[in-house]
Amino acid sequence: MNGTGTKQRLIDGALETIRAGGITAVSARTVATAAGTNQALIFYHFGSVEELIAQACVTATESRVAHFRDRFAAVTTLGELLDLGRVIHAEERAEGNMTVLAQALAGAQGGGRLAEATRQALDKWVREVQETLDRVLAGSPVLELAETEGLAHAVSAGFLGLTLFESVDPDGAEQALTALGQLAVLVDVLEGLGPVATRAVRAKLRKTAKRS
């Protein structure tokens, strides 16, 4: 077996272990068992179990973002983006990928390599969302009040982070998703205003932004 194939099997084994038992279940032994390889290969290819987890988290996220890229490209409104966010949330949860991110976040609390990798993984989603927002909100009065980078973090946190919330308060999580949908309706209404009304909204938003 070549080195690339072995590394991928170890990454897949780490992801499988996290999905099944959480990050605390990950060890050289459990990952090697899941991957069907020798424990020593983990240290040969990654140097440590922590580095393996870090690379597994980033690699898995890269793959999933790429999986949805065409659907991001097809989005034309904020409402469509939030609809896609619901789809991503549901699919990623069903695939167990939300569990991987949640467990990585938990393991990243102490900082170090895992914290860095988790930030890299989350940033891949945020950047994809921001590119979409830059496109669909170009010229929108909404940008008088908020930049797309901040909105991208908020939208991404809404759909990726609500997995943690769902486990203890599913109704609250659903209310949060509904609120994001209502925001999209408001933006669509603003986009449909005539030029006179749009100028008035822009002026009001500028005043609000200055006060804040």
N, C-alpha and C. Protein backbone atom coordinates (compact mmCIF):
# COMPACT_ATOMS: atom_id res chain seq x y z
N MET A 1 0.84 -1.19 0.00
CA MET A 1 0.00 0.00 0.00
C MET A 1 0.88 1.24 0.00
N ASN A 2 0.57 2.28 -0.86
CA ASN A 2 1.40 3.48 -0.90
C ASN A 2 1.11 4.37 0.30
N GLY A 3 2.02 5.36 0.50
CA GLY A 3 1.91 6.23 1.66
C GLY A 3 0.64 7.05 1.66
N THR A 4 0.23 7.53 0.47
CA THR A 4 -0.99 8.34 0.38
C THR A 4 -2.20 7.52 0.80
N GLY A 5 -2.26 6.27 0.34
CA GLY A 5 -3.38 5.40 0.70
C GLY A 5 -3.42 5.11 2.19
N THR A 6 -2.26 4.90 2.78
CA THR A 6 -2.19 4.63 4.21
C THR A 6 -2.63 5.85 5.02
N LYS A 7 -2.17 7.02 4.63
CA LYS A 7 -2.55 8.25 5.34
C LYS A 7 -4.06 8.45 5.28
N GLN A 8 -4.65 8.21 4.11
CA GLN A 8 -6.09 8.40 3.99
C GLN A 8 -6.85 7.40 4.84
N ARG A 9 -6.36 6.16 4.91
CA ARG A 9 -7.03 5.16 5.75
C ARG A 9 -6.95 5.56 7.22
N LEU A 10 -5.84 6.14 7.63
CA LEU A 10 -5.70 6.58 9.01
C LEU A 10 -6.62 7.77 9.29
N ILE A 11 -6.71 8.68 8.35
CA ILE A 11 -7.64 9.81 8.50
C ILE A 11 -9.07 9.31 8.60
N ASP A 12 -9.43 8.39 7.70
CA ASP A 12 -10.79 7.82 7.74
C ASP A 12 -11.03 7.08 9.05
N GLY A 13 -10.00 6.38 9.53
CA GLY A 13 -10.14 5.67 10.80
C GLY A 13 -10.33 6.62 11.96
N ALA A 14 -9.63 7.76 11.94
CA ALA A 14 -9.80 8.76 12.99
C ALA A 14 -11.21 9.34 12.96
N LEU A 15 -11.70 9.66 11.77
CA LEU A 15 -13.05 10.21 11.64
C LEU A 15 -14.10 9.22 12.10
N GLU A 16 -13.93 7.96 11.72
CA GLU A 16 -14.86 6.92 12.13
C GLU A 16 -14.88 6.78 13.65
N THR A 17 -13.71 6.86 14.27
CA THR A 17 -13.62 6.73 15.72
C THR A 17 -14.28 7.90 16.42
N ILE A 18 -14.07 9.11 15.91
CA ILE A 18 -14.70 10.30 16.50
C ILE A 18 -16.21 10.23 16.39
N ARG A 19 -16.70 9.85 15.22
CA ARG A 19 -18.15 9.77 15.02
C ARG A 19 -18.78 8.74 15.94
N ALA A 20 -18.07 7.66 16.18
CA ALA A 20 -18.63 6.58 16.99
C ALA A 20 -18.52 6.83 18.48
N GLY A 21 -17.40 7.39 18.93
CA GLY A 21 -17.20 7.50 20.37
C GLY A 21 -16.72 8.83 20.87
N GLY A 22 -16.63 9.83 19.99
CA GLY A 22 -16.14 11.13 20.41
C GLY A 22 -14.63 11.20 20.41
N ILE A 23 -14.12 12.39 20.64
CA ILE A 23 -12.68 12.60 20.55
C ILE A 23 -11.92 11.88 21.65
N THR A 24 -12.58 11.65 22.79
CA THR A 24 -11.89 10.95 23.88
C THR A 24 -11.65 9.49 23.55
N ALA A 25 -12.35 8.97 22.54
CA ALA A 25 -12.16 7.57 22.14
C ALA A 25 -10.98 7.39 21.20
N VAL A 26 -10.42 8.51 20.74
CA VAL A 26 -9.34 8.43 19.76
C VAL A 26 -8.02 8.14 20.45
N SER A 27 -7.37 7.08 20.01
CA SER A 27 -6.03 6.73 20.47
C SER A 27 -5.33 6.04 19.31
N ALA A 28 -4.05 5.85 19.44
CA ALA A 28 -3.32 5.15 18.38
C ALA A 28 -3.92 3.77 18.14
N ARG A 29 -4.31 3.12 19.21
CA ARG A 29 -4.84 1.76 19.08
C ARG A 29 -6.20 1.76 18.38
N THR A 30 -7.13 2.65 18.83
CA THR A 30 -8.48 2.64 18.25
C THR A 30 -8.47 3.06 16.78
N VAL A 31 -7.63 4.03 16.46
CA VAL A 31 -7.57 4.48 15.06
C VAL A 31 -6.93 3.41 14.19
N ALA A 32 -5.87 2.80 14.66
CA ALA A 32 -5.22 1.75 13.89
C ALA A 32 -6.16 0.58 13.66
N THR A 33 -6.95 0.25 14.67
CA THR A 33 -7.94 -0.83 14.52
C THR A 33 -8.97 -0.47 13.46
N ALA A 34 -9.50 0.77 13.54
CA ALA A 34 -10.50 1.21 12.57
C ALA A 34 -9.93 1.26 11.15
N ALA A 35 -8.65 1.63 11.05
CA ALA A 35 -8.01 1.75 9.74
C ALA A 35 -7.45 0.43 9.22
N GLY A 36 -7.34 -0.56 10.12
CA GLY A 36 -6.76 -1.83 9.72
C GLY A 36 -5.28 -1.74 9.45
N THR A 37 -4.58 -0.90 10.24
CA THR A 37 -3.14 -0.71 10.05
C THR A 37 -2.41 -0.85 11.38
N ASN A 38 -1.11 -0.73 11.33
CA ASN A 38 -0.28 -0.78 12.53
C ASN A 38 -0.24 0.59 13.20
N GLN A 39 -0.26 0.61 14.54
CA GLN A 39 -0.23 1.87 15.28
C GLN A 39 0.97 2.73 14.92
N ALA A 40 2.09 2.09 14.66
CA ALA A 40 3.33 2.84 14.39
C ALA A 40 3.20 3.73 13.16
N LEU A 41 2.31 3.36 12.24
CA LEU A 41 2.15 4.15 11.03
C LEU A 41 1.55 5.53 11.31
N ILE A 42 0.80 5.63 12.40
CA ILE A 42 0.25 6.94 12.78
C ILE A 42 1.38 7.92 13.05
N PHE A 43 2.36 7.48 13.81
CA PHE A 43 3.48 8.34 14.18
C PHE A 43 4.44 8.55 13.00
N TYR A 44 4.50 7.57 12.12
CA TYR A 44 5.35 7.71 10.93
C TYR A 44 4.79 8.79 10.00
N HIS A 45 3.47 8.78 9.80
CA HIS A 45 2.85 9.70 8.85
C HIS A 45 2.46 11.04 9.45
N PHE A 46 2.12 11.06 10.74
CA PHE A 46 1.59 12.28 11.34
C PHE A 46 2.41 12.81 12.52
N GLY A 47 3.21 11.99 13.10
CA GLY A 47 4.02 12.42 14.23
C GLY A 47 3.35 12.29 15.58
N SER A 48 2.03 12.44 15.60
CA SER A 48 1.28 12.33 16.85
C SER A 48 -0.19 12.07 16.55
N VAL A 49 -0.92 11.60 17.53
CA VAL A 49 -2.35 11.39 17.37
C VAL A 49 -3.07 12.73 17.21
N GLU A 50 -2.60 13.75 17.94
CA GLU A 50 -3.21 15.08 17.83
C GLU A 50 -3.11 15.62 16.42
N GLU A 51 -1.95 15.45 15.78
CA GLU A 51 -1.79 15.93 14.41
C GLU A 51 -2.68 15.15 13.46
N LEU A 52 -2.85 13.88 13.69
CA LEU A 52 -3.76 13.07 12.88
C LEU A 52 -5.18 13.61 12.99
N ILE A 53 -5.64 13.88 14.21
CA ILE A 53 -6.99 14.42 14.40
C ILE A 53 -7.13 15.76 13.70
N ALA A 54 -6.10 16.61 13.83
CA ALA A 54 -6.13 17.93 13.21
C ALA A 54 -6.28 17.82 11.70
N GLN A 55 -5.44 16.98 11.09
CA GLN A 55 -5.50 16.84 9.64
C GLN A 55 -6.81 16.18 9.19
N ALA A 56 -7.32 15.26 9.99
CA ALA A 56 -8.58 14.61 9.66
C ALA A 56 -9.72 15.63 9.65
N CYS A 57 -9.72 16.52 10.63
CA CYS A 57 -10.76 17.54 10.72
C CYS A 57 -10.73 18.46 9.51
N VAL A 58 -9.54 18.95 9.14
CA VAL A 58 -9.42 19.87 8.01
C VAL A 58 -9.74 19.16 6.70
N THR A 59 -9.22 17.94 6.53
CA THR A 59 -9.44 17.20 5.29
C THR A 59 -10.91 16.89 5.09
N ALA A 60 -11.60 16.47 6.15
CA ALA A 60 -13.02 16.15 6.05
C ALA A 60 -13.83 17.38 5.68
N THR A 61 -13.48 18.52 6.27
CA THR A 61 -14.20 19.76 5.97
C THR A 61 -13.96 20.20 4.54
N GLU A 62 -12.73 20.12 4.07
CA GLU A 62 -12.43 20.46 2.67
C GLU A 62 -13.29 19.65 1.72
N SER A 63 -13.40 18.37 2.01
CA SER A 63 -14.18 17.49 1.16
C SER A 63 -15.66 17.87 1.14
N ARG A 64 -16.20 18.21 2.31
CA ARG A 64 -17.63 18.53 2.40
C ARG A 64 -17.93 19.89 1.77
N VAL A 65 -17.05 20.86 1.97
CA VAL A 65 -17.26 22.17 1.33
C VAL A 65 -17.23 22.00 -0.18
N ALA A 66 -16.30 21.22 -0.68
CA ALA A 66 -16.23 20.97 -2.13
C ALA A 66 -17.51 20.28 -2.63
N HIS A 67 -18.06 19.40 -1.81
CA HIS A 67 -19.29 18.69 -2.16
C HIS A 67 -20.45 19.65 -2.40
N PHE A 68 -20.48 20.76 -1.66
CA PHE A 68 -21.58 21.72 -1.76
C PHE A 68 -21.26 22.92 -2.65
N ARG A 69 -20.06 22.98 -3.20
CA ARG A 69 -19.63 24.21 -3.90
C ARG A 69 -20.53 24.57 -5.07
N ASP A 70 -20.95 23.62 -5.85
CA ASP A 70 -21.82 23.92 -6.98
C ASP A 70 -23.16 24.47 -6.50
N ARG A 71 -23.64 23.97 -5.37
CA ARG A 71 -24.91 24.46 -4.85
C ARG A 71 -24.76 25.88 -4.29
N PHE A 72 -23.61 26.19 -3.70
CA PHE A 72 -23.36 27.57 -3.30
C PHE A 72 -23.37 28.48 -4.53
N ALA A 73 -22.75 28.02 -5.60
CA ALA A 73 -22.64 28.83 -6.82
C ALA A 73 -24.00 29.10 -7.46
N ALA A 74 -24.97 28.23 -7.20
CA ALA A 74 -26.30 28.38 -7.79
C ALA A 74 -27.21 29.31 -6.98
N VAL A 75 -26.77 29.72 -5.78
CA VAL A 75 -27.58 30.58 -4.91
C VAL A 75 -27.67 31.98 -5.50
N THR A 76 -28.89 32.56 -5.51
CA THR A 76 -29.08 33.91 -6.05
C THR A 76 -29.64 34.90 -5.04
N THR A 77 -30.13 34.42 -3.89
CA THR A 77 -30.69 35.31 -2.87
C THR A 77 -30.26 34.82 -1.49
N LEU A 78 -30.40 35.71 -0.51
CA LEU A 78 -30.09 35.32 0.86
C LEU A 78 -31.02 34.21 1.32
N GLY A 79 -32.27 34.27 0.90
CA GLY A 79 -33.21 33.21 1.26
C GLY A 79 -32.76 31.86 0.75
N GLU A 80 -32.26 31.82 -0.49
CA GLU A 80 -31.76 30.56 -1.04
C GLU A 80 -30.53 30.09 -0.27
N LEU A 81 -29.69 31.03 0.15
CA LEU A 81 -28.50 30.66 0.91
C LEU A 81 -28.90 30.03 2.24
N LEU A 82 -29.89 30.60 2.90
CA LEU A 82 -30.32 30.04 4.18
C LEU A 82 -31.03 28.70 3.99
N ASP A 83 -31.74 28.55 2.87
CA ASP A 83 -32.32 27.24 2.56
C ASP A 83 -31.22 26.20 2.37
N LEU A 84 -30.16 26.59 1.67
CA LEU A 84 -29.03 25.68 1.49
C LEU A 84 -28.38 25.38 2.83
N GLY A 85 -28.32 26.39 3.70
CA GLY A 85 -27.77 26.17 5.03
C GLY A 85 -28.52 25.09 5.79
N ARG A 86 -29.83 25.08 5.66
CA ARG A 86 -30.63 24.03 6.31
C ARG A 86 -30.28 22.66 5.74
N VAL A 87 -30.11 22.61 4.43
CA VAL A 87 -29.75 21.34 3.78
C VAL A 87 -28.38 20.87 4.27
N ILE A 88 -27.43 21.79 4.32
CA ILE A 88 -26.09 21.45 4.80
C ILE A 88 -26.16 20.95 6.23
N HIS A 89 -26.90 21.66 7.05
CA HIS A 89 -27.04 21.28 8.46
C HIS A 89 -27.58 19.86 8.59
N ALA A 90 -28.65 19.56 7.83
CA ALA A 90 -29.26 18.24 7.91
C ALA A 90 -28.34 17.15 7.38
N GLU A 91 -27.71 17.40 6.23
CA GLU A 91 -26.85 16.38 5.63
C GLU A 91 -25.59 16.13 6.46
N GLU A 92 -24.99 17.21 6.93
CA GLU A 92 -23.77 17.06 7.72
C GLU A 92 -24.06 16.37 9.05
N ARG A 93 -25.21 16.65 9.61
CA ARG A 93 -25.58 15.97 10.86
C ARG A 93 -25.79 14.48 10.60
N ALA A 94 -26.50 14.15 9.51
CA ALA A 94 -26.76 12.76 9.19
C ALA A 94 -25.47 11.99 8.88
N GLU A 95 -24.52 12.67 8.24
CA GLU A 95 -23.24 12.03 7.89
C GLU A 95 -22.31 11.88 9.10
N GLY A 96 -22.63 12.59 10.18
CA GLY A 96 -21.76 12.55 11.36
C GLY A 96 -20.66 13.59 11.33
N ASN A 97 -20.68 14.45 10.30
CA ASN A 97 -19.62 15.45 10.19
C ASN A 97 -19.78 16.58 11.20
N MET A 98 -21.02 16.87 11.60
CA MET A 98 -21.24 17.86 12.64
C MET A 98 -20.65 17.37 13.96
N THR A 99 -20.74 16.06 14.18
CA THR A 99 -20.16 15.48 15.39
C THR A 99 -18.66 15.67 15.40
N VAL A 100 -18.03 15.50 14.24
CA VAL A 100 -16.58 15.68 14.15
C VAL A 100 -16.20 17.11 14.51
N LEU A 101 -16.92 18.10 13.94
CA LEU A 101 -16.61 19.49 14.24
C LEU A 101 -16.88 19.82 15.70
N ALA A 102 -18.00 19.31 16.23
CA ALA A 102 -18.33 19.58 17.63
C ALA A 102 -17.27 18.99 18.56
N GLN A 103 -16.82 17.79 18.25
CA GLN A 103 -15.80 17.15 19.07
C GLN A 103 -14.45 17.86 18.93
N ALA A 104 -14.16 18.32 17.72
CA ALA A 104 -12.92 19.08 17.53
C ALA A 104 -12.96 20.38 18.32
N LEU A 105 -14.11 21.03 18.34
CA LEU A 105 -14.25 22.25 19.12
C LEU A 105 -14.04 21.97 20.60
N ALA A 106 -14.60 20.87 21.06
CA ALA A 106 -14.43 20.51 22.46
C ALA A 106 -12.97 20.24 22.78
N GLY A 107 -12.30 19.54 21.89
CA GLY A 107 -10.89 19.24 22.12
C GLY A 107 -9.98 20.43 21.94
N ALA A 108 -10.48 21.47 21.27
CA ALA A 108 -9.66 22.64 20.99
C ALA A 108 -9.66 23.66 22.12
N GLN A 109 -10.43 23.41 23.16
CA GLN A 109 -10.55 24.40 24.23
C GLN A 109 -9.21 24.72 24.89
N GLY A 110 -8.32 23.76 24.89
CA GLY A 110 -7.01 23.98 25.50
C GLY A 110 -6.01 24.64 24.58
N GLY A 111 -6.44 25.00 23.35
CA GLY A 111 -5.53 25.63 22.40
C GLY A 111 -4.68 24.60 21.67
N GLY A 112 -3.53 25.01 21.17
CA GLY A 112 -2.63 24.10 20.49
C GLY A 112 -3.03 23.79 19.07
N ARG A 113 -2.48 22.72 18.55
CA ARG A 113 -2.65 22.34 17.14
C ARG A 113 -4.11 22.08 16.80
N LEU A 114 -4.85 21.46 17.70
CA LEU A 114 -6.24 21.15 17.40
C LEU A 114 -7.09 22.41 17.29
N ALA A 115 -6.80 23.41 18.10
CA ALA A 115 -7.51 24.69 18.01
C ALA A 115 -7.25 25.35 16.66
N GLU A 116 -6.00 25.31 16.24
CA GLU A 116 -5.63 25.89 14.94
C GLU A 116 -6.35 25.17 13.81
N ALA A 117 -6.37 23.85 13.86
CA ALA A 117 -7.01 23.06 12.80
C ALA A 117 -8.52 23.30 12.78
N THR A 118 -9.13 23.44 13.94
CA THR A 118 -10.57 23.68 14.00
C THR A 118 -10.90 25.03 13.40
N ARG A 119 -10.08 26.03 13.68
CA ARG A 119 -10.28 27.36 13.06
C ARG A 119 -10.16 27.26 11.54
N GLN A 120 -9.17 26.50 11.07
CA GLN A 120 -8.99 26.33 9.63
C GLN A 120 -10.22 25.67 9.01
N ALA A 121 -10.74 24.65 9.68
CA ALA A 121 -11.90 23.93 9.16
C ALA A 121 -13.13 24.83 9.11
N LEU A 122 -13.40 25.54 10.19
CA LEU A 122 -14.56 26.43 10.22
C LEU A 122 -14.42 27.54 9.19
N ASP A 123 -13.20 28.02 9.00
CA ASP A 123 -12.97 29.11 8.06
C ASP A 123 -13.29 28.70 6.63
N LYS A 124 -13.16 27.42 6.32
CA LYS A 124 -13.48 26.96 4.97
C LYS A 124 -14.97 27.15 4.69
N TRP A 125 -15.82 26.88 5.67
CA TRP A 125 -17.25 27.12 5.51
C TRP A 125 -17.53 28.63 5.44
N VAL A 126 -16.90 29.39 6.34
CA VAL A 126 -17.15 30.83 6.39
C VAL A 126 -16.78 31.50 5.07
N ARG A 127 -15.63 31.13 4.51
CA ARG A 127 -15.18 31.74 3.26
C ARG A 127 -16.15 31.42 2.12
N GLU A 128 -16.66 30.21 2.09
CA GLU A 128 -17.62 29.83 1.03
C GLU A 128 -18.90 30.64 1.17
N VAL A 129 -19.37 30.79 2.41
CA VAL A 129 -20.58 31.57 2.66
C VAL A 129 -20.33 33.04 2.31
N GLN A 130 -19.17 33.57 2.68
CA GLN A 130 -18.88 34.98 2.40
C GLN A 130 -18.83 35.25 0.90
N GLU A 131 -18.20 34.36 0.14
CA GLU A 131 -18.16 34.55 -1.32
C GLU A 131 -19.56 34.60 -1.90
N THR A 132 -20.45 33.77 -1.35
CA THR A 132 -21.84 33.76 -1.82
C THR A 132 -22.54 35.05 -1.44
N LEU A 133 -22.33 35.51 -0.21
CA LEU A 133 -22.94 36.77 0.24
C LEU A 133 -22.43 37.96 -0.56
N ASP A 134 -21.13 37.98 -0.85
CA ASP A 134 -20.58 39.06 -1.66
C ASP A 134 -21.30 39.15 -3.00
N ARG A 135 -21.65 38.00 -3.53
CA ARG A 135 -22.29 37.97 -4.84
C ARG A 135 -23.76 38.35 -4.76
N VAL A 136 -24.50 37.77 -3.82
CA VAL A 136 -25.96 37.97 -3.80
C VAL A 136 -26.36 39.30 -3.16
N LEU A 137 -25.48 39.87 -2.33
CA LEU A 137 -25.83 41.14 -1.67
C LEU A 137 -25.14 42.34 -2.29
N ALA A 138 -24.48 42.14 -3.41
CA ALA A 138 -23.79 43.26 -4.08
C ALA A 138 -24.79 44.38 -4.36
N GLY A 139 -24.51 45.58 -3.83
CA GLY A 139 -25.40 46.72 -4.03
C GLY A 139 -26.58 46.77 -3.09
N SER A 140 -26.71 45.82 -2.19
CA SER A 140 -27.85 45.79 -1.27
C SER A 140 -27.70 46.84 -0.18
N PRO A 141 -28.82 47.47 0.25
CA PRO A 141 -28.75 48.41 1.37
C PRO A 141 -28.35 47.75 2.68
N VAL A 142 -28.47 46.44 2.74
CA VAL A 142 -28.07 45.72 3.96
C VAL A 142 -26.60 45.96 4.27
N LEU A 143 -25.79 46.13 3.23
CA LEU A 143 -24.35 46.31 3.44
C LEU A 143 -24.01 47.67 4.02
N GLU A 144 -25.03 48.55 4.15
CA GLU A 144 -24.82 49.81 4.85
C GLU A 144 -24.67 49.56 6.35
N LEU A 145 -25.19 48.44 6.81
CA LEU A 145 -25.22 48.15 8.24
C LEU A 145 -24.26 47.05 8.65
N ALA A 146 -24.00 46.11 7.77
CA ALA A 146 -23.17 44.96 8.14
C ALA A 146 -22.31 44.55 6.96
N GLU A 147 -21.07 44.13 7.24
CA GLU A 147 -20.18 43.64 6.21
C GLU A 147 -20.42 42.15 5.99
N THR A 148 -20.10 41.69 4.78
CA THR A 148 -20.37 40.29 4.48
C THR A 148 -19.52 39.34 5.31
N GLU A 149 -18.32 39.78 5.73
CA GLU A 149 -17.50 38.89 6.56
C GLU A 149 -18.18 38.58 7.88
N GLY A 150 -18.73 39.61 8.52
CA GLY A 150 -19.45 39.38 9.77
C GLY A 150 -20.70 38.56 9.56
N LEU A 151 -21.44 38.85 8.48
CA LEU A 151 -22.65 38.08 8.18
C LEU A 151 -22.30 36.63 7.90
N ALA A 152 -21.18 36.40 7.23
CA ALA A 152 -20.77 35.03 6.91
C ALA A 152 -20.49 34.24 8.18
N HIS A 153 -19.83 34.87 9.13
CA HIS A 153 -19.58 34.20 10.42
C HIS A 153 -20.90 33.91 11.14
N ALA A 154 -21.83 34.86 11.09
CA ALA A 154 -23.11 34.67 11.78
C ALA A 154 -23.92 33.54 11.15
N VAL A 155 -24.00 33.53 9.81
CA VAL A 155 -24.75 32.49 9.12
C VAL A 155 -24.11 31.12 9.34
N SER A 156 -22.79 31.06 9.23
CA SER A 156 -22.08 29.79 9.42
C SER A 156 -22.25 29.28 10.85
N ALA A 157 -22.14 30.19 11.80
CA ALA A 157 -22.33 29.79 13.20
C ALA A 157 -23.75 29.28 13.43
N GLY A 158 -24.70 29.92 12.74
CA GLY A 158 -26.08 29.49 12.89
C GLY A 158 -26.30 28.05 12.46
N PHE A 159 -25.76 27.69 11.31
CA PHE A 159 -26.03 26.35 10.78
C PHE A 159 -25.05 25.29 11.25
N LEU A 160 -23.83 25.67 11.56
CA LEU A 160 -22.88 24.68 12.05
C LEU A 160 -22.94 24.57 13.57
N GLY A 161 -23.07 25.69 14.24
CA GLY A 161 -23.04 25.68 15.70
C GLY A 161 -24.32 25.21 16.35
N LEU A 162 -25.44 25.27 15.65
CA LEU A 162 -26.71 24.88 16.27
C LEU A 162 -26.79 23.39 16.59
N THR A 163 -25.88 22.61 16.05
CA THR A 163 -25.85 21.19 16.41
C THR A 163 -25.65 21.02 17.91
N LEU A 164 -24.79 21.84 18.50
CA LEU A 164 -24.56 21.78 19.94
C LEU A 164 -25.82 22.16 20.69
N PHE A 165 -26.53 23.16 20.19
CA PHE A 165 -27.73 23.65 20.83
C PHE A 165 -28.86 22.62 20.74
N GLU A 166 -28.93 21.94 19.60
CA GLU A 166 -30.02 20.99 19.36
C GLU A 166 -30.07 19.88 20.40
N SER A 167 -28.91 19.48 20.89
CA SER A 167 -28.87 18.34 21.80
C SER A 167 -29.57 18.63 23.12
N VAL A 168 -29.66 19.91 23.51
CA VAL A 168 -30.29 20.25 24.78
C VAL A 168 -31.58 21.03 24.61
N ASP A 169 -31.74 21.72 23.48
CA ASP A 169 -32.93 22.54 23.27
C ASP A 169 -33.30 22.55 21.78
N PRO A 170 -33.88 21.46 21.28
CA PRO A 170 -34.20 21.39 19.85
C PRO A 170 -35.20 22.45 19.41
N ASP A 171 -36.15 22.80 20.29
CA ASP A 171 -37.13 23.83 19.93
C ASP A 171 -36.45 25.18 19.77
N GLY A 172 -35.51 25.48 20.67
CA GLY A 172 -34.77 26.73 20.57
C GLY A 172 -33.93 26.78 19.32
N ALA A 173 -33.35 25.66 18.94
CA ALA A 173 -32.55 25.60 17.72
C ALA A 173 -33.42 25.87 16.51
N GLU A 174 -34.61 25.29 16.50
CA GLU A 174 -35.53 25.50 15.38
C GLU A 174 -35.97 26.96 15.31
N GLN A 175 -36.20 27.57 16.48
CA GLN A 175 -36.57 28.99 16.50
C GLN A 175 -35.45 29.86 15.92
N ALA A 176 -34.21 29.49 16.23
CA ALA A 176 -33.07 30.24 15.70
C ALA A 176 -33.01 30.12 14.18
N LEU A 177 -33.23 28.92 13.66
CA LEU A 177 -33.23 28.73 12.21
C LEU A 177 -34.37 29.52 11.56
N THR A 178 -35.52 29.53 12.21
CA THR A 178 -36.67 30.29 11.70
C THR A 178 -36.36 31.78 11.67
N ALA A 179 -35.68 32.26 12.72
CA ALA A 179 -35.32 33.68 12.77
C ALA A 179 -34.39 34.06 11.63
N LEU A 180 -33.45 33.17 11.30
CA LEU A 180 -32.57 33.43 10.16
C LEU A 180 -33.38 33.49 8.86
N GLY A 181 -34.37 32.63 8.76
CA GLY A 181 -35.23 32.65 7.58
C GLY A 181 -36.02 33.94 7.48
N GLN A 182 -36.49 34.46 8.62
CA GLN A 182 -37.22 35.73 8.63
C GLN A 182 -36.31 36.88 8.22
N LEU A 183 -35.05 36.81 8.61
CA LEU A 183 -34.08 37.81 8.19
C LEU A 183 -33.96 37.80 6.67
N ALA A 184 -33.94 36.62 6.09
CA ALA A 184 -33.83 36.51 4.62
C ALA A 184 -35.04 37.14 3.94
N VAL A 185 -36.24 36.95 4.51
CA VAL A 185 -37.44 37.56 3.95
C VAL A 185 -37.33 39.08 3.98
N LEU A 186 -36.83 39.61 5.11
CA LEU A 186 -36.66 41.06 5.23
C LEU A 186 -35.70 41.59 4.16
N VAL A 187 -34.60 40.89 3.96
CA VAL A 187 -33.63 41.32 2.94
C VAL A 187 -34.27 41.29 1.56
N ASP A 188 -35.03 40.23 1.28
CA ASP A 188 -35.69 40.14 -0.02
C ASP A 188 -36.67 41.30 -0.23
N VAL A 189 -37.36 41.71 0.84
CA VAL A 189 -38.28 42.85 0.76
C VAL A 189 -37.49 44.12 0.43
N LEU A 190 -36.36 44.31 1.11
CA LEU A 190 -35.53 45.48 0.85
C LEU A 190 -35.05 45.51 -0.60
N GLU A 191 -34.71 44.31 -1.09
CA GLU A 191 -34.21 44.23 -2.47
C GLU A 191 -35.31 44.60 -3.47
N GLY A 192 -36.57 44.43 -3.08
CA GLY A 192 -37.67 44.69 -3.99
C GLY A 192 -38.20 46.12 -3.95
N LEU A 193 -37.64 46.95 -3.08
CA LEU A 193 -38.09 48.33 -2.98
C LEU A 193 -37.68 49.15 -4.21
N GLY A 194 -38.45 50.16 -4.50
CA GLY A 194 -38.08 51.06 -5.58
C GLY A 194 -36.92 51.95 -5.19
N PRO A 195 -36.39 52.73 -6.15
CA PRO A 195 -35.20 53.55 -5.88
C PRO A 195 -35.39 54.59 -4.79
N VAL A 196 -36.57 55.22 -4.72
CA VAL A 196 -36.82 56.24 -3.70
C VAL A 196 -36.82 55.61 -2.32
N ALA A 197 -37.55 54.52 -2.17
CA ALA A 197 -37.61 53.84 -0.88
C ALA A 197 -36.25 53.28 -0.49
N THR A 198 -35.50 52.77 -1.47
CA THR A 198 -34.17 52.22 -1.19
C THR A 198 -33.24 53.30 -0.67
N ARG A 199 -33.30 54.49 -1.27
CA ARG A 199 -32.46 55.59 -0.78
C ARG A 199 -32.81 55.96 0.65
N ALA A 200 -34.11 55.94 0.96
CA ALA A 200 -34.55 56.27 2.31
C ALA A 200 -34.05 55.23 3.31
N VAL A 201 -34.10 53.96 2.92
CA VAL A 201 -33.61 52.88 3.78
C VAL A 201 -32.11 53.02 3.99
N ARG A 202 -31.38 53.33 2.92
CA ARG A 202 -29.94 53.50 3.04
C ARG A 202 -29.59 54.62 4.01
N ALA A 203 -30.30 55.72 3.91
CA ALA A 203 -30.04 56.85 4.79
C ALA A 203 -30.29 56.48 6.24
N LYS A 204 -31.38 55.77 6.48
CA LYS A 204 -31.70 55.35 7.84
C LYS A 204 -30.67 54.38 8.38
N LEU A 205 -30.24 53.46 7.56
CA LEU A 205 -29.24 52.48 7.99
C LEU A 205 -27.90 53.16 8.29
N ARG A 206 -27.55 54.17 7.48
CA ARG A 206 -26.30 54.89 7.74
C ARG A 206 -26.34 55.59 9.10
N LYS A 207 -27.48 56.20 9.40
CA LYS A 207 -27.62 56.87 10.71
C LYS A 207 -27.52 55.88 11.84
N THR A 208 -28.16 54.72 11.65
CA THR A 208 -28.13 53.67 12.68
C THR A 208 -26.71 53.16 12.89
N ALA A 209 -25.98 52.97 11.78
CA ALA A 209 -24.61 52.47 11.87
C ALA A 209 -23.71 53.46 12.59
N LYS A 210 -23.92 54.76 12.33
CA LYS A 210 -23.09 55.78 12.98
C LYS A 210 -23.34 55.80 14.48
N ARG A 211 -24.60 55.63 14.89
CA ARG A 211 -24.91 55.63 16.33
C ARG A 211 -24.32 54.43 17.03
N SER A 212 -24.21 53.31 16.32
CA SER A 212 -23.66 52.10 16.95
C SER A 212 -22.15 52.15 16.97
